[in-house]
Amino acid sequence: MGIGGSIFLIAVGAIVAFGIRDQNVGPFDLNVIGWVLMLAGLAGLLTTMWIWNTRRRRVVAVSPGQRIERERIVEAPPREVVDEEGWAQSRPERPRY
């Protein structure tokens, strides 16, 4: 839904719940409809904020010596070149505590 849509639903719900004097339109109670819109907007806002905060930062390789982190170009750390003889298939041992 997004932040804008959520705030819009909250605003429309508040207007419907608190601003309209005639509370009944046929079988519908506008006070309840306003509160439902406000709760839906709040749920959308919390969901959007949760999704935005759980995103992971992505690093995109640009060239062999550079990468981009959030629109900023940073030099990549130098890589070790390992030939076939120096390649090991086993994992390094972890220290035991």
Protein backbone atom coordinates (compact mmCIF):
# COMPACT_ATOMS: atom_id res chain seq x y z
CA MET A 1 0.00 0.00 0.00
CA GLY A 2 2.79 2.42 0.86
CA ILE A 3 3.15 5.22 3.36
CA GLY A 4 1.11 7.72 1.36
CA GLY A 5 -1.84 5.38 0.89
CA SER A 6 -1.81 4.47 4.56
CA ILE A 7 -1.82 8.08 5.70
CA PHE A 8 -4.61 8.81 3.22
CA LEU A 9 -6.73 5.98 4.66
CA ILE A 10 -6.12 7.22 8.20
CA ALA A 11 -7.12 10.77 7.21
CA VAL A 12 -10.26 9.69 5.35
CA GLY A 13 -11.22 7.39 8.23
CA ALA A 14 -10.81 10.22 10.74
CA ILE A 15 -12.92 12.54 8.60
CA VAL A 16 -15.65 9.92 8.24
CA ALA A 17 -15.57 8.92 11.93
CA PHE A 18 -15.33 12.36 13.53
CA GLY A 19 -16.43 14.89 10.92
CA ILE A 20 -19.77 13.69 9.59
CA ARG A 21 -22.80 14.48 11.74
CA ASP A 22 -25.32 12.08 10.18
CA GLN A 23 -23.87 8.79 11.43
CA ASN A 24 -26.21 6.44 9.54
CA VAL A 25 -26.40 6.06 5.78
CA GLY A 26 -28.90 3.31 5.16
CA PRO A 27 -27.77 0.17 6.97
CA PHE A 28 -24.19 1.49 7.38
CA ASP A 29 -22.86 3.25 10.47
CA LEU A 30 -20.28 5.84 9.30
CA ASN A 31 -18.60 5.92 12.69
CA VAL A 32 -17.69 2.22 12.38
CA ILE A 33 -16.62 2.65 8.75
CA GLY A 34 -14.32 5.50 9.78
CA TRP A 35 -12.69 3.43 12.49
CA VAL A 36 -12.24 0.49 10.09
CA LEU A 37 -10.54 2.78 7.56
CA MET A 38 -8.24 4.19 10.24
CA LEU A 39 -7.28 0.69 11.44
CA ALA A 40 -6.66 -0.46 7.86
CA GLY A 41 -4.44 2.58 7.30
CA LEU A 42 -2.55 1.91 10.52
CA ALA A 43 -2.06 -1.75 9.60
CA GLY A 44 -0.80 -0.73 6.14
CA LEU A 45 1.57 1.84 7.65
CA LEU A 46 3.01 -0.64 10.15
CA THR A 47 3.39 -3.31 7.45
CA THR A 48 5.15 -0.88 5.11
CA MET A 49 7.51 0.31 7.84
CA TRP A 50 8.29 -3.29 8.80
CA ILE A 51 9.06 -4.24 5.20
CA TRP A 52 11.26 -1.18 4.70
CA ASN A 53 13.21 -1.89 7.89
CA THR A 54 13.84 -5.56 7.10
CA ARG A 55 15.40 -4.91 3.71
CA ARG A 56 18.97 -5.94 3.29
CA ARG A 57 21.55 -3.64 1.79
CA ARG A 58 22.63 -4.90 -1.60
CA VAL A 59 26.08 -4.42 -3.08
CA VAL A 60 26.33 -4.34 -6.86
CA ALA A 61 29.65 -5.00 -8.57
CA VAL A 62 30.50 -2.29 -11.10
CA SER A 63 33.98 -3.17 -12.25
CA PRO A 64 36.75 -5.39 -10.87
CA GLY A 65 37.98 -2.63 -8.56
CA GLN A 66 34.77 -0.84 -7.58
CA ARG A 67 31.36 -1.47 -6.10
CA ILE A 68 28.34 0.70 -5.28
CA GLU A 69 26.89 0.97 -1.79
CA ARG A 70 23.81 3.19 -1.70
CA GLU A 71 24.87 5.46 -4.55
CA ARG A 72 28.42 5.80 -3.26
CA ILE A 73 31.39 4.27 -5.10
CA VAL A 74 33.75 2.44 -2.76
CA GLU A 75 37.00 0.69 -3.55
CA ALA A 76 36.73 -3.06 -3.12
CA PRO A 77 39.29 -4.83 -0.91
CA PRO A 78 42.08 -6.53 -2.83
CA ARG A 79 41.44 -10.17 -3.64
CA GLU A 80 43.93 -12.95 -3.28
CA VAL A 81 44.70 -14.90 -6.43
CA VAL A 82 44.97 -18.60 -5.70
CA ASP A 83 46.32 -21.03 -8.25
CA GLU A 84 45.17 -24.64 -8.56
CA GLU A 85 47.89 -25.97 -6.27
CA GLY A 86 46.95 -23.60 -3.45
CA TRP A 87 43.26 -24.35 -3.63
CA ALA A 88 41.93 -26.34 -0.69
CA GLN A 89 38.56 -28.06 -0.59
CA SER A 90 38.49 -28.48 3.19
CA ARG A 91 37.06 -25.91 5.54
CA PRO A 92 39.34 -24.09 7.94
CA GLU A 93 39.01 -25.33 11.50
CA ARG A 94 37.05 -23.26 13.96
CA PRO A 95 38.54 -22.52 17.34
CA ARG A 96 36.91 -24.59 20.07
CA TYR A 97 35.99 -22.90 23.30
